[in-house]
């Protein structure tokens, strides 16, 4: 992982803007030459700086709470200032280690060696609770699918055949044939390319969403390059769906299989005609990036967003059928 000072400056700049420090943001933007950076601000989600700081804090807590042997230790939550002070972190680690090694001896319940059971309301609280034992799956029963060159974000089984689809940060989706029981199943590589100078080049964007139609004959994928794509089971690109102005976060087929629904960072959701690849209707009701969608019927759906709202929409309607509010975060 790497980052530049321009990226850090941009996140600080956006944080100042979002927090209402308009004058400070303007001054900082001028001094750090934000306007000269090549960062597309439309693709950066709200509260990005706070989000990455929170993840860093969680990682620091995980470092302290997990021992060298992999065991988990209970610790008090760290404040942000505690997390950046090496002495505090080291002290918490030592405290957690000491707590684990402390041996607490329980005294017997009475002096004659008999077991005393407290009975409340006629219920025997001394009965053993059934706990499922951990099950180890031998390596001979596991199949490891290797081929992706970056993190794998999502996978989905074909509903009618032994095919598994996966999406990755290497700008590909893959269809794995699990029918032959081979230790190395055959795979079809679905390369997500864009047109540049009249030729197709890899988009270098993550494939983070995918969904099979109910017949299992077509696979839809969504990418950070802003395009949705429809593929056949033999790896042929059937359609490219281009209308979003930024990354696609989610997409779903309806049960009938004639429409695909997508949600994007451009704050919109789109219903696509699966047979033509054309946009049937675009819904611009959210005020922040749309994160997920789900069909209610073949023509109505719900969408949620970082604007903390859920809209229920219907094909042909020019406003939400219903809007739910109440969440205090995305």
C-alpha atoms as a PDB file:
ATOM      1  CA  UNK A   1       0.000   0.000   0.000  1.00  0.00           C
ATOM      2  CA  UNK A   2       1.237   3.502  -0.798  1.00  0.00           C
ATOM      3  CA  UNK A   3      -0.142   7.022  -0.796  1.00  0.00           C
ATOM      4  CA  UNK A   4       1.038  10.480  -1.773  1.00  0.00           C
ATOM      5  CA  UNK A   5       0.953  13.813   0.030  1.00  0.00           C
ATOM      6  CA  UNK A   6      -1.531  15.023  -2.595  1.00  0.00           C
ATOM      7  CA  UNK A   7      -3.950  12.261  -1.563  1.00  0.00           C
ATOM      8  CA  UNK A   8      -3.576  13.062   2.136  1.00  0.00           C
ATOM      9  CA  UNK A   9      -4.039  16.777   1.444  1.00  0.00           C
ATOM     10  CA  UNK A  10      -7.172  16.114  -0.577  1.00  0.00           C
ATOM     11  CA  UNK A  11      -8.769  14.047   2.200  1.00  0.00           C
ATOM     12  CA  UNK A  12      -7.952  16.772   4.750  1.00  0.00           C
ATOM     13  CA  UNK A  13      -9.376  19.387   2.366  1.00  0.00           C
ATOM     14  CA  UNK A  14     -12.597  17.418   1.962  1.00  0.00           C
ATOM     15  CA  UNK A  15     -12.859  16.904   5.723  1.00  0.00           C
ATOM     16  CA  UNK A  16     -12.617  20.664   6.299  1.00  0.00           C
ATOM     17  CA  UNK A  17     -15.309  21.283   3.698  1.00  0.00           C
ATOM     18  CA  UNK A  18     -17.661  18.650   5.113  1.00  0.00           C
ATOM     19  CA  UNK A  19     -17.152  19.953   8.666  1.00  0.00           C
ATOM     20  CA  UNK A  20     -18.130  23.509   7.717  1.00  0.00           C
ATOM     21  CA  UNK A  21     -14.649  25.038   7.910  1.00  0.00           C
ATOM     22  CA  UNK A  22     -15.153  26.815   4.599  1.00  0.00           C
ATOM     23  CA  UNK A  23     -12.500  29.506   5.027  1.00  0.00           C
ATOM     24  CA  UNK A  24      -9.935  27.036   6.374  1.00  0.00           C
ATOM     25  CA  UNK A  25     -10.676  24.648   3.499  1.00  0.00           C
ATOM     26  CA  UNK A  26     -10.225  27.450   0.957  1.00  0.00           C
ATOM     27  CA  UNK A  27      -6.901  28.536   2.460  1.00  0.00           C
ATOM     28  CA  UNK A  28      -5.630  24.974   2.762  1.00  0.00           C
ATOM     29  CA  UNK A  29      -6.709  24.212  -0.809  1.00  0.00           C
ATOM     30  CA  UNK A  30      -4.733  27.167  -2.147  1.00  0.00           C
ATOM     31  CA  UNK A  31      -1.600  26.401  -0.123  1.00  0.00           C
ATOM     32  CA  UNK A  32      -1.618  22.674  -0.972  1.00  0.00           C
ATOM     33  CA  UNK A  33      -2.484  23.227  -4.677  1.00  0.00           C
ATOM     34  CA  UNK A  34      -5.547  20.970  -4.543  1.00  0.00           C
ATOM     35  CA  UNK A  35      -6.757  22.264  -7.904  1.00  0.00           C
ATOM     36  CA  UNK A  36      -3.573  20.982  -9.556  1.00  0.00           C
ATOM     37  CA  UNK A  37      -3.936  17.404  -8.337  1.00  0.00           C
ATOM     38  CA  UNK A  38      -5.306  14.736 -10.673  1.00  0.00           C
ATOM     39  CA  UNK A  39      -7.735  13.360  -8.079  1.00  0.00           C
ATOM     40  CA  UNK A  40     -11.339  13.058  -9.235  1.00  0.00           C
ATOM     41  CA  UNK A  41     -13.250  14.350  -6.234  1.00  0.00           C
ATOM     42  CA  UNK A  42     -16.528  12.948  -7.541  1.00  0.00           C
ATOM     43  CA  UNK A  43     -15.220   9.431  -6.880  1.00  0.00           C
ATOM     44  CA  UNK A  44     -14.215  10.087  -3.255  1.00  0.00           C
ATOM     45  CA  UNK A  45     -17.059   9.194  -0.850  1.00  0.00           C
ATOM     46  CA  UNK A  46     -18.100  11.518   1.995  1.00  0.00           C
ATOM     47  CA  UNK A  47     -16.262  11.234   5.319  1.00  0.00           C
ATOM     48  CA  UNK A  48     -13.407   9.388   3.600  1.00  0.00           C
ATOM     49  CA  UNK A  49     -10.758  10.699   6.008  1.00  0.00           C
ATOM     50  CA  UNK A  50     -12.755   9.712   9.089  1.00  0.00           C
ATOM     51  CA  UNK A  51     -13.447   6.295   7.595  1.00  0.00           C
ATOM     52  CA  UNK A  52      -9.779   5.484   6.958  1.00  0.00           C
ATOM     53  CA  UNK A  53      -8.777   6.826  10.396  1.00  0.00           C
ATOM     54  CA  UNK A  54     -11.402   4.625  12.046  1.00  0.00           C
ATOM     55  CA  UNK A  55     -10.091   1.577  10.184  1.00  0.00           C
ATOM     56  CA  UNK A  56      -6.560   2.413  11.326  1.00  0.00           C
ATOM     57  CA  UNK A  57      -7.766   2.663  14.918  1.00  0.00           C
ATOM     58  CA  UNK A  58      -9.499  -0.719  14.628  1.00  0.00           C
ATOM     59  CA  UNK A  59      -6.302  -2.227  13.214  1.00  0.00           C
ATOM     60  CA  UNK A  60      -4.285  -0.870  16.149  1.00  0.00           C
ATOM     61  CA  UNK A  61      -6.802  -2.333  18.606  1.00  0.00           C
ATOM     62  CA  UNK A  62      -6.615  -5.662  16.775  1.00  0.00           C
ATOM     63  CA  UNK A  63      -2.810  -5.656  17.063  1.00  0.00           C
ATOM     64  CA  UNK A  64      -3.108  -5.273  20.823  1.00  0.00           C
ATOM     65  CA  UNK A  65      -6.004  -7.678  21.392  1.00  0.00           C
ATOM     66  CA  UNK A  66      -4.629 -10.619  19.388  1.00  0.00           C
ATOM     67  CA  UNK A  67      -1.748 -12.498  20.979  1.00  0.00           C
ATOM     68  CA  UNK A  68       1.230 -14.056  19.235  1.00  0.00           C
ATOM     69  CA  UNK A  69      -0.497 -17.442  19.433  1.00  0.00           C
ATOM     70  CA  UNK A  70      -3.621 -16.062  17.747  1.00  0.00           C
ATOM     71  CA  UNK A  71      -5.704 -15.966  20.918  1.00  0.00           C
ATOM     72  CA  UNK A  72      -7.961 -12.990  21.596  1.00  0.00           C
ATOM     73  CA  UNK A  73      -7.521 -10.778  24.651  1.00  0.00           C
ATOM     74  CA  UNK A  74     -10.046  -8.328  26.045  1.00  0.00           C
ATOM     75  CA  UNK A  75      -8.868  -4.703  26.055  1.00  0.00           C
ATOM     76  CA  UNK A  76     -10.409  -1.307  26.671  1.00  0.00           C
ATOM     77  CA  UNK A  77     -11.209   0.748  23.595  1.00  0.00           C
ATOM     78  CA  UNK A  78      -8.466   3.095  22.459  1.00  0.00           C
ATOM     79  CA  UNK A  79      -9.016   6.767  21.826  1.00  0.00           C
ATOM     80  CA  UNK A  80      -7.524   8.237  18.670  1.00  0.00           C
ATOM     81  CA  UNK A  81      -4.835  10.072  20.654  1.00  0.00           C
ATOM     82  CA  UNK A  82      -3.964   6.883  22.578  1.00  0.00           C
ATOM     83  CA  UNK A  83      -3.511   5.015  19.294  1.00  0.00           C
ATOM     84  CA  UNK A  84      -0.811   7.407  18.041  1.00  0.00           C
ATOM     85  CA  UNK A  85       1.196   7.310  21.296  1.00  0.00           C
ATOM     86  CA  UNK A  86       3.667   4.381  21.217  1.00  0.00           C
ATOM     87  CA  UNK A  87       4.015   4.297  25.023  1.00  0.00           C
ATOM     88  CA  UNK A  88       0.271   3.904  25.509  1.00  0.00           C
ATOM     89  CA  UNK A  89       0.042   1.158  22.878  1.00  0.00           C
ATOM     90  CA  UNK A  90       2.977  -0.731  24.410  1.00  0.00           C
ATOM     91  CA  UNK A  91       1.437  -0.386  27.882  1.00  0.00           C
ATOM     92  CA  UNK A  92      -1.901  -1.775  26.688  1.00  0.00           C
ATOM     93  CA  UNK A  93      -0.149  -4.704  25.022  1.00  0.00           C
ATOM     94  CA  UNK A  94       1.701  -5.540  28.240  1.00  0.00           C
ATOM     95  CA  UNK A  95      -1.477  -5.173  30.292  1.00  0.00           C
ATOM     96  CA  UNK A  96      -3.363  -7.524  27.979  1.00  0.00           C
ATOM     97  CA  UNK A  97      -0.498 -10.024  28.172  1.00  0.00           C
ATOM     98  CA  UNK A  98      -0.468  -9.889  31.982  1.00  0.00           C
ATOM     99  CA  UNK A  99      -4.242 -10.326  32.188  1.00  0.00           C
ATOM    100  CA  UNK A 100      -4.043 -13.450  30.060  1.00  0.00           C
ATOM    101  CA  UNK A 101      -1.323 -14.992  32.202  1.00  0.00           C
ATOM    102  CA  UNK A 102      -3.080 -14.264  35.479  1.00  0.00           C
ATOM    103  CA  UNK A 103      -4.498 -17.445  37.025  1.00  0.00           C
ATOM    104  CA  UNK A 104      -7.721 -17.070  38.954  1.00  0.00           C
ATOM    105  CA  UNK A 105      -8.454 -19.930  41.346  1.00  0.00           C
ATOM    106  CA  UNK A 106     -12.097 -20.500  42.236  1.00  0.00           C
ATOM    107  CA  UNK A 107     -12.814 -21.548  45.839  1.00  0.00           C
ATOM    108  CA  UNK A 108     -15.096 -24.572  46.405  1.00  0.00           C
ATOM    109  CA  UNK A 109     -18.716 -23.720  46.997  1.00  0.00           C
ATOM    110  CA  UNK A 110     -18.823 -25.466  50.419  1.00  0.00           C
ATOM    111  CA  UNK A 111     -16.571 -27.333  52.846  1.00  0.00           C
ATOM    112  CA  UNK A 112     -17.901 -30.870  52.485  1.00  0.00           C
ATOM    113  CA  UNK A 113     -17.058 -31.229  48.825  1.00  0.00           C
ATOM    114  CA  UNK A 114     -20.678 -31.426  47.703  1.00  0.00           C
ATOM    115  CA  UNK A 115     -21.782 -29.559  44.640  1.00  0.00           C
ATOM    116  CA  UNK A 116     -24.334 -26.872  45.395  1.00  0.00           C
ATOM    117  CA  UNK A 117     -26.856 -26.092  42.682  1.00  0.00           C
ATOM    118  CA  UNK A 118     -29.066 -23.002  42.910  1.00  0.00           C
ATOM    119  CA  UNK A 119     -32.539 -23.674  41.568  1.00  0.00           C
ATOM    120  CA  UNK A 120     -34.664 -20.708  40.534  1.00  0.00           C
ATOM    121  CA  UNK A 121     -38.284 -21.169  39.593  1.00  0.00           C
ATOM    122  CA  UNK A 122     -37.919 -24.927  39.236  1.00  0.00           C
ATOM    123  CA  UNK A 123     -35.391 -24.643  36.406  1.00  0.00           C
ATOM    124  CA  UNK A 124     -32.181 -26.613  36.682  1.00  0.00           C
ATOM    125  CA  UNK A 125     -29.455 -24.109  35.736  1.00  0.00           C
ATOM    126  CA  UNK A 126     -26.761 -26.753  36.110  1.00  0.00           C
ATOM    127  CA  UNK A 127     -27.661 -28.458  32.838  1.00  0.00           C
ATOM    128  CA  UNK A 128     -24.903 -28.415  30.264  1.00  0.00           C
ATOM    129  CA  UNK A 129     -25.504 -26.181  27.280  1.00  0.00           C
ATOM    130  CA  UNK A 130     -25.023 -27.812  23.916  1.00  0.00           C
ATOM    131  CA  UNK A 131     -22.151 -26.213  22.022  1.00  0.00           C
ATOM    132  CA  UNK A 132     -21.217 -27.245  18.527  1.00  0.00           C
ATOM    133  CA  UNK A 133     -17.668 -28.519  18.382  1.00  0.00           C
ATOM    134  CA  UNK A 134     -15.369 -26.932  15.848  1.00  0.00           C
ATOM    135  CA  UNK A 135     -15.035 -28.941  12.680  1.00  0.00           C
ATOM    136  CA  UNK A 136     -11.791 -29.164  10.783  1.00  0.00           C
ATOM    137  CA  UNK A 137     -12.074 -29.667   7.048  1.00  0.00           C
ATOM    138  CA  UNK A 138      -9.092 -31.655   5.753  1.00  0.00           C
ATOM    139  CA  UNK A 139      -7.152 -30.110   2.904  1.00  0.00           C
ATOM    140  CA  UNK A 140      -8.122 -33.073   0.729  1.00  0.00           C
ATOM    141  CA  UNK A 141     -11.750 -31.900   0.896  1.00  0.00           C
ATOM    142  CA  UNK A 142     -10.983 -28.271  -0.015  1.00  0.00           C
ATOM    143  CA  UNK A 143     -10.453 -26.756  -3.442  1.00  0.00           C
ATOM    144  CA  UNK A 144      -8.373 -23.608  -3.734  1.00  0.00           C
ATOM    145  CA  UNK A 145      -9.128 -21.436  -6.742  1.00  0.00           C
ATOM    146  CA  UNK A 146      -5.990 -19.622  -7.835  1.00  0.00           C
ATOM    147  CA  UNK A 147      -5.707 -17.166 -10.680  1.00  0.00           C
ATOM    148  CA  UNK A 148      -6.691 -13.704  -9.508  1.00  0.00           C
ATOM    149  CA  UNK A 149      -3.768 -11.313  -9.188  1.00  0.00           C
ATOM    150  CA  UNK A 150      -5.337  -9.033  -6.578  1.00  0.00           C
ATOM    151  CA  UNK A 151      -7.905  -9.168  -3.781  1.00  0.00           C
ATOM    152  CA  UNK A 152     -11.183 -10.949  -4.519  1.00  0.00           C
ATOM    153  CA  UNK A 153     -14.189  -8.819  -3.564  1.00  0.00           C
ATOM    154  CA  UNK A 154     -17.177 -10.980  -4.380  1.00  0.00           C
ATOM    155  CA  UNK A 155     -18.267 -14.418  -5.566  1.00  0.00           C
ATOM    156  CA  UNK A 156     -21.600 -15.969  -6.551  1.00  0.00           C
ATOM    157  CA  UNK A 157     -22.764 -19.467  -7.471  1.00  0.00           C
ATOM    158  CA  UNK A 158     -24.648 -20.015 -10.702  1.00  0.00           C
ATOM    159  CA  UNK A 159     -28.237 -20.986  -9.728  1.00  0.00           C
ATOM    160  CA  UNK A 160     -28.520 -23.861 -12.228  1.00  0.00           C
ATOM    161  CA  UNK A 161     -25.024 -25.290 -12.762  1.00  0.00           C
ATOM    162  CA  UNK A 162     -21.740 -25.867 -10.947  1.00  0.00           C
ATOM    163  CA  UNK A 163     -20.208 -22.546 -11.969  1.00  0.00           C
ATOM    164  CA  UNK A 164     -18.772 -20.005  -9.549  1.00  0.00           C
ATOM    165  CA  UNK A 165     -18.202 -16.376 -10.563  1.00  0.00           C
ATOM    166  CA  UNK A 166     -15.728 -14.086  -8.793  1.00  0.00           C
ATOM    167  CA  UNK A 167     -14.772 -10.411  -9.063  1.00  0.00           C
ATOM    168  CA  UNK A 168     -11.363  -8.977  -8.233  1.00  0.00           C
ATOM    169  CA  UNK A 169      -9.182  -5.904  -7.992  1.00  0.00           C
ATOM    170  CA  UNK A 170      -7.185  -7.190 -10.985  1.00  0.00           C
ATOM    171  CA  UNK A 171      -9.944  -5.770 -13.275  1.00  0.00           C
ATOM    172  CA  UNK A 172     -11.248  -9.245 -14.110  1.00  0.00           C
ATOM    173  CA  UNK A 173     -14.156 -11.459 -13.236  1.00  0.00           C
ATOM    174  CA  UNK A 174     -13.720 -15.208 -13.541  1.00  0.00           C
ATOM    175  CA  UNK A 175     -16.069 -18.129 -14.082  1.00  0.00           C
ATOM    176  CA  UNK A 176     -14.829 -21.328 -12.425  1.00  0.00           C
ATOM    177  CA  UNK A 177     -16.141 -24.704 -13.595  1.00  0.00           C
ATOM    178  CA  UNK A 178     -16.565 -26.786 -10.444  1.00  0.00           C
ATOM    179  CA  UNK A 179     -18.180 -29.743 -12.206  1.00  0.00           C
ATOM    180  CA  UNK A 180     -15.049 -31.756 -13.019  1.00  0.00           C
ATOM    181  CA  UNK A 181     -13.893 -32.229  -9.373  1.00  0.00           C
ATOM    182  CA  UNK A 182     -10.405 -31.260 -10.462  1.00  0.00           C
ATOM    183  CA  UNK A 183      -7.974 -29.824  -7.890  1.00  0.00           C
ATOM    184  CA  UNK A 184      -7.464 -26.963 -10.372  1.00  0.00           C
ATOM    185  CA  UNK A 185     -10.874 -26.170 -11.911  1.00  0.00           C
ATOM    186  CA  UNK A 186     -10.994 -24.611 -15.361  1.00  0.00           C
ATOM    187  CA  UNK A 187     -11.533 -20.869 -15.356  1.00  0.00           C
ATOM    188  CA  UNK A 188     -12.752 -18.320 -17.878  1.00  0.00           C
ATOM    189  CA  UNK A 189     -11.153 -14.889 -17.488  1.00  0.00           C
ATOM    190  CA  UNK A 190     -13.532 -12.002 -18.167  1.00  0.00           C
ATOM    191  CA  UNK A 191     -11.259  -9.022 -18.797  1.00  0.00           C
ATOM    192  CA  UNK A 192     -12.869  -5.644 -18.185  1.00  0.00           C
ATOM    193  CA  UNK A 193     -11.495  -3.334 -20.856  1.00  0.00           C
ATOM    194  CA  UNK A 194     -12.242   0.198 -22.011  1.00  0.00           C
ATOM    195  CA  UNK A 195     -11.857   1.847 -25.392  1.00  0.00           C
ATOM    196  CA  UNK A 196      -8.817   4.094 -25.628  1.00  0.00           C
ATOM    197  CA  UNK A 197      -7.483   5.364 -28.937  1.00  0.00           C
ATOM    198  CA  UNK A 198      -9.632   2.909 -30.859  1.00  0.00           C
ATOM    199  CA  UNK A 199      -8.255  -0.125 -29.036  1.00  0.00           C
ATOM    200  CA  UNK A 200      -9.326  -2.040 -25.961  1.00  0.00           C
ATOM    201  CA  UNK A 201      -7.075  -1.722 -22.917  1.00  0.00           C
ATOM    202  CA  UNK A 202      -7.545  -3.106 -19.381  1.00  0.00           C
ATOM    203  CA  UNK A 203      -9.579  -0.711 -17.255  1.00  0.00           C
ATOM    204  CA  UNK A 204      -7.352  -1.292 -14.189  1.00  0.00           C
ATOM    205  CA  UNK A 205     -10.466  -0.868 -12.066  1.00  0.00           C
ATOM    206  CA  UNK A 206     -11.908  -3.192  -9.417  1.00  0.00           C
ATOM    207  CA  UNK A 207     -14.759  -5.556 -10.238  1.00  0.00           C
ATOM    208  CA  UNK A 208     -16.769  -5.333  -7.029  1.00  0.00           C
ATOM    209  CA  UNK A 209     -20.279  -6.521  -7.900  1.00  0.00           C
ATOM    210  CA  UNK A 210     -21.753  -9.385  -9.900  1.00  0.00           C
ATOM    211  CA  UNK A 211     -24.991 -11.342 -10.147  1.00  0.00           C
ATOM    212  CA  UNK A 212     -26.337 -14.288 -12.184  1.00  0.00           C
ATOM    213  CA  UNK A 213     -29.746 -14.156 -13.828  1.00  0.00           C
ATOM    214  CA  UNK A 214     -32.296 -16.670 -12.544  1.00  0.00           C
ATOM    215  CA  UNK A 215     -31.751 -18.998 -15.528  1.00  0.00           C
ATOM    216  CA  UNK A 216     -27.994 -19.099 -14.918  1.00  0.00           C
ATOM    217  CA  UNK A 217     -27.330 -18.180 -18.560  1.00  0.00           C
ATOM    218  CA  UNK A 218     -25.994 -14.647 -18.071  1.00  0.00           C
ATOM    219  CA  UNK A 219     -23.667 -12.959 -15.587  1.00  0.00           C
ATOM    220  CA  UNK A 220     -23.793  -9.218 -14.889  1.00  0.00           C
ATOM    221  CA  UNK A 221     -20.728  -7.463 -13.456  1.00  0.00           C
ATOM    222  CA  UNK A 222     -20.206  -3.960 -12.103  1.00  0.00           C
ATOM    223  CA  UNK A 223     -16.854  -2.196 -12.040  1.00  0.00           C
ATOM    224  CA  UNK A 224     -15.172   0.885 -10.656  1.00  0.00           C
ATOM    225  CA  UNK A 225     -14.693   2.045 -14.253  1.00  0.00           C
ATOM    226  CA  UNK A 226     -18.388   3.013 -14.224  1.00  0.00           C
ATOM    227  CA  UNK A 227     -19.571   0.293 -16.621  1.00  0.00           C
ATOM    228  CA  UNK A 228     -21.817  -2.713 -16.081  1.00  0.00           C
ATOM    229  CA  UNK A 229     -21.325  -5.681 -18.367  1.00  0.00           C
ATOM    230  CA  UNK A 230     -23.313  -8.777 -19.326  1.00  0.00           C
ATOM    231  CA  UNK A 231     -21.447 -12.032 -20.044  1.00  0.00           C
ATOM    232  CA  UNK A 232     -22.498 -15.451 -21.283  1.00  0.00           C
ATOM    233  CA  UNK A 233     -21.413 -18.609 -19.458  1.00  0.00           C
ATOM    234  CA  UNK A 234     -18.751 -19.243 -22.111  1.00  0.00           C
ATOM    235  CA  UNK A 235     -17.095 -15.890 -21.354  1.00  0.00           C
ATOM    236  CA  UNK A 236     -18.489 -13.872 -24.268  1.00  0.00           C
ATOM    237  CA  UNK A 237     -19.175 -10.175 -23.605  1.00  0.00           C
ATOM    238  CA  UNK A 238     -22.816  -9.718 -24.625  1.00  0.00           C
ATOM    239  CA  UNK A 239     -23.375  -6.062 -23.639  1.00  0.00           C
ATOM    240  CA  UNK A 240     -21.622  -3.086 -22.065  1.00  0.00           C
ATOM    241  CA  UNK A 241     -23.890  -0.795 -20.061  1.00  0.00           C
ATOM    242  CA  UNK A 242     -22.593   2.759 -19.870  1.00  0.00           C
ATOM    243  CA  UNK A 243     -24.546   5.499 -18.095  1.00  0.00           C
ATOM    244  CA  UNK A 244     -23.081   5.843 -14.612  1.00  0.00           C
ATOM    245  CA  UNK A 245     -20.588   8.664 -14.018  1.00  0.00           C
ATOM    246  CA  UNK A 246     -18.410   6.768 -11.583  1.00  0.00           C
ATOM    247  CA  UNK A 247     -17.906   3.401  -9.847  1.00  0.00           C
ATOM    248  CA  UNK A 248     -20.768   0.914  -9.616  1.00  0.00           C
ATOM    249  CA  UNK A 249     -21.263  -0.423  -6.099  1.00  0.00           C
ATOM    250  CA  UNK A 250     -24.067  -2.964  -6.614  1.00  0.00           C
ATOM    251  CA  UNK A 251     -26.196  -4.585  -9.298  1.00  0.00           C
ATOM    252  CA  UNK A 252     -28.990  -7.169  -9.321  1.00  0.00           C
ATOM    253  CA  UNK A 253     -31.090  -9.034 -11.875  1.00  0.00           C
ATOM    254  CA  UNK A 254     -34.839  -9.058 -11.349  1.00  0.00           C
ATOM    255  CA  UNK A 255     -36.500 -12.449 -11.038  1.00  0.00           C
ATOM    256  CA  UNK A 256     -37.939 -12.328 -14.546  1.00  0.00           C
ATOM    257  CA  UNK A 257     -34.489 -11.706 -16.016  1.00  0.00           C
ATOM    258  CA  UNK A 258     -35.456  -8.815 -18.291  1.00  0.00           C
ATOM    259  CA  UNK A 259     -34.028  -5.984 -16.170  1.00  0.00           C
ATOM    260  CA  UNK A 260     -30.769  -5.287 -14.333  1.00  0.00           C
ATOM    261  CA  UNK A 261     -30.622  -2.757 -11.491  1.00  0.00           C
ATOM    262  CA  UNK A 262     -27.409  -0.922 -10.590  1.00  0.00           C
ATOM    263  CA  UNK A 263     -26.283   1.600  -7.953  1.00  0.00           C
ATOM    264  CA  UNK A 264     -23.361   3.985  -8.292  1.00  0.00           C
ATOM    265  CA  UNK A 265     -21.216   6.623  -6.678  1.00  0.00           C
ATOM    266  CA  UNK A 266     -22.913   9.200  -8.930  1.00  0.00           C
ATOM    267  CA  UNK A 267     -25.893   9.072  -6.500  1.00  0.00           C
ATOM    268  CA  UNK A 268     -28.142   7.344  -9.037  1.00  0.00           C
ATOM    269  CA  UNK A 269     -29.707   3.947  -9.598  1.00  0.00           C
ATOM    270  CA  UNK A 270     -30.470   2.641 -13.083  1.00  0.00           C
ATOM    271  CA  UNK A 271     -32.811   0.009 -14.494  1.00  0.00           C
ATOM    272  CA  UNK A 272     -31.290  -1.515 -17.642  1.00  0.00           C
ATOM    273  CA  UNK A 273     -33.009  -3.476 -20.397  1.00  0.00           C
ATOM    274  CA  UNK A 274     -31.026  -6.724 -20.347  1.00  0.00           C
ATOM    275  CA  UNK A 275     -31.843  -7.594 -23.972  1.00  0.00           C
ATOM    276  CA  UNK A 276     -30.638  -4.292 -25.477  1.00  0.00           C
ATOM    277  CA  UNK A 277     -28.195  -3.032 -22.843  1.00  0.00           C
ATOM    278  CA  UNK A 278     -29.957   0.345 -22.853  1.00  0.00           C
ATOM    279  CA  UNK A 279     -30.877   2.473 -19.854  1.00  0.00           C
ATOM    280  CA  UNK A 280     -34.628   2.117 -19.268  1.00  0.00           C
ATOM    281  CA  UNK A 281     -34.825   4.623 -16.407  1.00  0.00           C
ATOM    282  CA  UNK A 282     -32.337   6.456 -14.211  1.00  0.00           C
ATOM    283  CA  UNK A 283     -33.375   7.443 -10.672  1.00  0.00           C
ATOM    284  CA  UNK A 284     -31.617  10.480  -9.172  1.00  0.00           C
ATOM    285  CA  UNK A 285     -33.298  10.649  -5.771  1.00  0.00           C
ATOM    286  CA  UNK A 286     -30.313  10.154  -3.463  1.00  0.00           C
ATOM    287  CA  UNK A 287     -28.102  13.068  -2.409  1.00  0.00           C
ATOM    288  CA  UNK A 288     -25.007  10.908  -1.878  1.00  0.00           C
ATOM    289  CA  UNK A 289     -23.534   7.718  -3.408  1.00  0.00           C
ATOM    290  CA  UNK A 290     -25.998   4.817  -3.723  1.00  0.00           C
ATOM    291  CA  UNK A 291     -24.516   1.738  -2.040  1.00  0.00           C
ATOM    292  CA  UNK A 292     -26.932  -1.157  -2.522  1.00  0.00           C
ATOM    293  CA  UNK A 293     -30.170  -2.156  -4.237  1.00  0.00           C
ATOM    294  CA  UNK A 294     -32.686  -4.983  -4.016  1.00  0.00           C
ATOM    295  CA  UNK A 295     -35.735  -5.844  -6.102  1.00  0.00           C
ATOM    296  CA  UNK A 296     -39.147  -6.065  -4.444  1.00  0.00           C
ATOM    297  CA  UNK A 297     -40.880  -7.191  -7.622  1.00  0.00           C
ATOM    298  CA  UNK A 298     -39.913  -7.255 -11.301  1.00  0.00           C
ATOM    299  CA  UNK A 299     -40.468  -3.489 -11.578  1.00  0.00           C
ATOM    300  CA  UNK A 300     -40.037  -2.045  -8.065  1.00  0.00           C
ATOM    301  CA  UNK A 301     -36.975  -1.928  -5.829  1.00  0.00           C
ATOM    302  CA  UNK A 302     -35.327  -0.382  -2.772  1.00  0.00           C
ATOM    303  CA  UNK A 303     -32.035   1.511  -2.746  1.00  0.00           C
ATOM    304  CA  UNK A 304     -29.879   2.744   0.127  1.00  0.00           C
ATOM    305  CA  UNK A 305     -27.182   5.389   0.281  1.00  0.00           C
ATOM    306  CA  UNK A 306     -24.633   7.236   2.359  1.00  0.00           C
ATOM    307  CA  UNK A 307     -27.296   9.959   2.621  1.00  0.00           C
ATOM    308  CA  UNK A 308     -28.830   7.727   5.339  1.00  0.00           C
ATOM    309  CA  UNK A 309     -32.042   7.224   3.336  1.00  0.00           C
ATOM    310  CA  UNK A 310     -33.773   4.232   1.782  1.00  0.00           C
ATOM    311  CA  UNK A 311     -35.949   4.904  -1.262  1.00  0.00           C
ATOM    312  CA  UNK A 312     -38.544   2.495  -2.634  1.00  0.00           C
ATOM    313  CA  UNK A 313     -38.924   3.189  -6.361  1.00  0.00           C
ATOM    314  CA  UNK A 314     -40.985   1.844  -9.240  1.00  0.00           C
ATOM    315  CA  UNK A 315     -40.282   1.732 -12.959  1.00  0.00           C
ATOM    316  CA  UNK A 316     -42.130   4.604 -14.638  1.00  0.00           C
ATOM    317  CA  UNK A 317     -42.546   6.670 -11.457  1.00  0.00           C
ATOM    318  CA  UNK A 318     -40.845  10.074 -11.310  1.00  0.00           C
ATOM    319  CA  UNK A 319     -40.500  10.099  -7.520  1.00  0.00           C
ATOM    320  CA  UNK A 320     -39.988   7.493  -4.780  1.00  0.00           C
ATOM    321  CA  UNK A 321     -43.011   5.442  -3.780  1.00  0.00           C
ATOM    322  CA  UNK A 322     -41.756   5.539  -0.195  1.00  0.00           C
ATOM    323  CA  UNK A 323     -38.751   6.968   1.630  1.00  0.00           C
ATOM    324  CA  UNK A 324     -37.446   5.619   4.938  1.00  0.00           C
ATOM    325  CA  UNK A 325     -35.268   7.769   7.212  1.00  0.00           C
ATOM    326  CA  UNK A 326     -33.874   7.229  10.688  1.00  0.00           C
ATOM    327  CA  UNK A 327     -30.360   5.852  10.274  1.00  0.00           C
ATOM    328  CA  UNK A 328     -27.659   8.197  11.548  1.00  0.00           C
ATOM    329  CA  UNK A 329     -24.916   6.895   9.281  1.00  0.00           C
ATOM    330  CA  UNK A 330     -24.594   5.394   5.821  1.00  0.00           C
END
